[in-house]
Amino acid sequence: MSDRSLRGMRLGAQSMETESGVEPAPRQRVEYRCEDGEQVFVTFSSEAEIPPVWVSKTGKEALLVDGERPDTSNEKAVRTHWDMLLERRSLPELEQILDDRLTILRERRGERRSA
């Protein structure tokens, strides 16, 4: 009975299992390189999809060694408020609206001065 006693063990802190006979999952080590020549090594599962770009610990963008440069031409251009406005109105229409609003504003200011 005394040989099975767990006296003196920290039960929650240590595992009684051994790692003998346990094989880790297959992995692959992938190399990325920054423009300044910094090398970045990342370990992935052998089944993982490897990203073409990785951000290094220093915050620099690193490209996959022997990989293709990612195609960024598909990215949509950012639409500004002005672009969206031009989709709805033409320049002559916008000039007419501006003139109308300026006339209303000037009339209001003129009325306040005389009152």
C-alpha atoms as a PDB file:
ATOM      1  CA  MET A   1       0.000   0.000   0.000  1.00  0.00           C
ATOM      2  CA  SER A   2       2.830   2.392   0.756  1.00  0.00           C
ATOM      3  CA  ASP A   3       4.288   2.014  -2.757  1.00  0.00           C
ATOM      4  CA  ARG A   4       1.089   3.486  -4.252  1.00  0.00           C
ATOM      5  CA  SER A   5       1.016   6.453  -1.946  1.00  0.00           C
ATOM      6  CA  LEU A   6       1.219   9.868  -3.569  1.00  0.00           C
ATOM      7  CA  ARG A   7       2.461  11.544  -0.434  1.00  0.00           C
ATOM      8  CA  GLY A   8       4.758  14.463  -1.181  1.00  0.00           C
ATOM      9  CA  MET A   9       3.554  14.948  -4.805  1.00  0.00           C
ATOM     10  CA  ARG A  10       2.031  18.138  -6.125  1.00  0.00           C
ATOM     11  CA  LEU A  11      -0.862  16.535  -7.922  1.00  0.00           C
ATOM     12  CA  GLY A  12      -1.996  19.524  -9.966  1.00  0.00           C
ATOM     13  CA  ALA A  13       1.446  20.668 -11.052  1.00  0.00           C
ATOM     14  CA  GLN A  14       3.070  17.519 -12.402  1.00  0.00           C
ATOM     15  CA  SER A  15       1.867  14.863 -14.780  1.00  0.00           C
ATOM     16  CA  MET A  16       2.628  11.248 -14.178  1.00  0.00           C
ATOM     17  CA  GLU A  17       2.520  10.469 -17.896  1.00  0.00           C
ATOM     18  CA  THR A  18       5.728   9.905 -19.799  1.00  0.00           C
ATOM     19  CA  GLU A  19       6.410  10.982 -23.346  1.00  0.00           C
ATOM     20  CA  SER A  20       7.906   7.669 -24.362  1.00  0.00           C
ATOM     21  CA  GLY A  21       6.211   6.279 -27.452  1.00  0.00           C
ATOM     22  CA  VAL A  22       4.503   9.579 -28.277  1.00  0.00           C
ATOM     23  CA  GLU A  23       5.224  11.000 -31.724  1.00  0.00           C
ATOM     24  CA  PRO A  24       4.679  14.710 -32.332  1.00  0.00           C
ATOM     25  CA  ALA A  25       2.585  15.767 -35.300  1.00  0.00           C
ATOM     26  CA  PRO A  26       4.546  16.158 -38.559  1.00  0.00           C
ATOM     27  CA  ARG A  27       5.884  19.668 -38.984  1.00  0.00           C
ATOM     28  CA  GLN A  28       7.768  21.752 -41.493  1.00  0.00           C
ATOM     29  CA  ARG A  29      10.073  24.709 -40.946  1.00  0.00           C
ATOM     30  CA  VAL A  30       9.518  27.558 -43.389  1.00  0.00           C
ATOM     31  CA  GLU A  31      11.910  30.408 -44.093  1.00  0.00           C
ATOM     32  CA  TYR A  32      10.852  33.987 -44.764  1.00  0.00           C
ATOM     33  CA  ARG A  33      13.132  36.892 -45.591  1.00  0.00           C
ATOM     34  CA  CYS A  34      12.667  40.656 -45.128  1.00  0.00           C
ATOM     35  CA  GLU A  35      13.846  43.200 -47.683  1.00  0.00           C
ATOM     36  CA  ASP A  36      16.803  44.094 -45.455  1.00  0.00           C
ATOM     37  CA  GLY A  37      17.912  40.431 -45.382  1.00  0.00           C
ATOM     38  CA  GLU A  38      16.526  39.485 -41.951  1.00  0.00           C
ATOM     39  CA  GLN A  39      15.641  35.781 -41.866  1.00  0.00           C
ATOM     40  CA  VAL A  40      12.483  34.590 -40.128  1.00  0.00           C
ATOM     41  CA  PHE A  41      11.858  30.893 -39.473  1.00  0.00           C
ATOM     42  CA  VAL A  42       8.338  29.685 -38.667  1.00  0.00           C
ATOM     43  CA  THR A  43       7.215  26.126 -37.882  1.00  0.00           C
ATOM     44  CA  PHE A  44       3.915  24.977 -39.367  1.00  0.00           C
ATOM     45  CA  SER A  45       2.012  21.728 -39.442  1.00  0.00           C
ATOM     46  CA  SER A  46       2.823  19.710 -42.541  1.00  0.00           C
ATOM     47  CA  GLU A  47      -0.863  20.008 -43.514  1.00  0.00           C
ATOM     48  CA  ALA A  48      -1.057  23.791 -43.024  1.00  0.00           C
ATOM     49  CA  GLU A  49      -1.441  26.252 -45.887  1.00  0.00           C
ATOM     50  CA  ILE A  50       1.710  28.374 -45.925  1.00  0.00           C
ATOM     51  CA  PRO A  51       1.046  32.146 -46.164  1.00  0.00           C
ATOM     52  CA  PRO A  52       3.174  34.021 -48.728  1.00  0.00           C
ATOM     53  CA  VAL A  53       3.852  36.892 -46.296  1.00  0.00           C
ATOM     54  CA  TRP A  54       4.720  36.824 -42.599  1.00  0.00           C
ATOM     55  CA  VAL A  55       5.226  39.735 -40.204  1.00  0.00           C
ATOM     56  CA  SER A  56       8.450  39.345 -38.240  1.00  0.00           C
ATOM     57  CA  LYS A  57       8.824  40.061 -34.518  1.00  0.00           C
ATOM     58  CA  THR A  58      10.344  43.424 -35.442  1.00  0.00           C
ATOM     59  CA  GLY A  59       7.184  44.344 -37.368  1.00  0.00           C
ATOM     60  CA  LYS A  60       8.698  44.059 -40.846  1.00  0.00           C
ATOM     61  CA  GLU A  61       6.990  42.219 -43.679  1.00  0.00           C
ATOM     62  CA  ALA A  62       8.863  39.083 -44.723  1.00  0.00           C
ATOM     63  CA  LEU A  63       8.303  37.175 -47.971  1.00  0.00           C
ATOM     64  CA  LEU A  64       8.401  33.417 -48.346  1.00  0.00           C
ATOM     65  CA  VAL A  65      11.777  32.227 -49.639  1.00  0.00           C
ATOM     66  CA  ASP A  66      11.376  30.518 -53.047  1.00  0.00           C
ATOM     67  CA  GLY A  67       7.731  31.580 -53.046  1.00  0.00           C
ATOM     68  CA  GLU A  68       5.775  33.822 -55.355  1.00  0.00           C
ATOM     69  CA  ARG A  69       5.212  37.447 -54.466  1.00  0.00           C
ATOM     70  CA  PRO A  70       1.537  37.904 -53.522  1.00  0.00           C
ATOM     71  CA  ASP A  71      -0.639  39.590 -56.128  1.00  0.00           C
ATOM     72  CA  THR A  72      -2.055  42.787 -54.629  1.00  0.00           C
ATOM     73  CA  SER A  73      -3.608  44.091 -57.846  1.00  0.00           C
ATOM     74  CA  ASN A  74      -7.017  42.577 -56.945  1.00  0.00           C
ATOM     75  CA  GLU A  75      -7.391  44.845 -53.949  1.00  0.00           C
ATOM     76  CA  LYS A  76     -10.151  47.403 -54.259  1.00  0.00           C
ATOM     77  CA  ALA A  77      -9.137  51.025 -54.221  1.00  0.00           C
ATOM     78  CA  VAL A  78     -10.413  52.933 -51.229  1.00  0.00           C
ATOM     79  CA  ARG A  79     -13.478  54.957 -52.107  1.00  0.00           C
ATOM     80  CA  THR A  80     -13.570  58.415 -50.586  1.00  0.00           C
ATOM     81  CA  HIS A  81     -16.660  60.480 -49.826  1.00  0.00           C
ATOM     82  CA  TRP A  82     -15.911  62.562 -52.915  1.00  0.00           C
ATOM     83  CA  ASP A  83     -15.831  59.444 -55.122  1.00  0.00           C
ATOM     84  CA  MET A  84     -19.190  58.288 -53.787  1.00  0.00           C
ATOM     85  CA  LEU A  85     -20.665  61.765 -54.298  1.00  0.00           C
ATOM     86  CA  LEU A  86     -19.475  61.840 -57.907  1.00  0.00           C
ATOM     87  CA  GLU A  87     -21.264  58.520 -58.478  1.00  0.00           C
ATOM     88  CA  ARG A  88     -24.572  60.222 -57.605  1.00  0.00           C
ATOM     89  CA  ARG A  89     -24.109  63.762 -58.955  1.00  0.00           C
ATOM     90  CA  SER A  90     -22.328  65.444 -61.856  1.00  0.00           C
ATOM     91  CA  LEU A  91     -20.002  68.418 -61.382  1.00  0.00           C
ATOM     92  CA  PRO A  92     -22.517  70.936 -62.855  1.00  0.00           C
ATOM     93  CA  GLU A  93     -25.187  69.633 -60.458  1.00  0.00           C
ATOM     94  CA  LEU A  94     -22.812  70.004 -57.514  1.00  0.00           C
ATOM     95  CA  GLU A  95     -21.933  73.563 -58.551  1.00  0.00           C
ATOM     96  CA  GLN A  96     -25.637  74.457 -58.783  1.00  0.00           C
ATOM     97  CA  ILE A  97     -26.329  72.987 -55.314  1.00  0.00           C
ATOM     98  CA  LEU A  98     -23.375  74.912 -53.879  1.00  0.00           C
ATOM     99  CA  ASP A  99     -24.590  78.181 -55.427  1.00  0.00           C
ATOM    100  CA  ASP A 100     -28.121  77.598 -54.051  1.00  0.00           C
ATOM    101  CA  ARG A 101     -26.858  76.871 -50.538  1.00  0.00           C
ATOM    102  CA  LEU A 102     -24.519  79.889 -50.575  1.00  0.00           C
ATOM    103  CA  THR A 103     -27.416  82.134 -51.664  1.00  0.00           C
ATOM    104  CA  ILE A 104     -29.585  80.849 -48.795  1.00  0.00           C
ATOM    105  CA  LEU A 105     -26.724  81.353 -46.315  1.00  0.00           C
ATOM    106  CA  ARG A 106     -26.036  84.928 -47.530  1.00  0.00           C
ATOM    107  CA  GLU A 107     -29.721  85.797 -47.314  1.00  0.00           C
ATOM    108  CA  ARG A 108     -29.870  84.542 -43.714  1.00  0.00           C
ATOM    109  CA  ARG A 109     -26.803  86.558 -42.750  1.00  0.00           C
ATOM    110  CA  GLY A 110     -28.204  89.643 -44.413  1.00  0.00           C
ATOM    111  CA  GLU A 111     -31.520  89.264 -42.517  1.00  0.00           C
ATOM    112  CA  ARG A 112     -29.732  88.950 -39.172  1.00  0.00           C
ATOM    113  CA  ARG A 113     -27.693  92.140 -39.720  1.00  0.00           C
ATOM    114  CA  SER A 114     -30.721  94.259 -40.548  1.00  0.00           C
ATOM    115  CA  ALA A 115     -32.813  92.989 -37.644  1.00  0.00           C
END
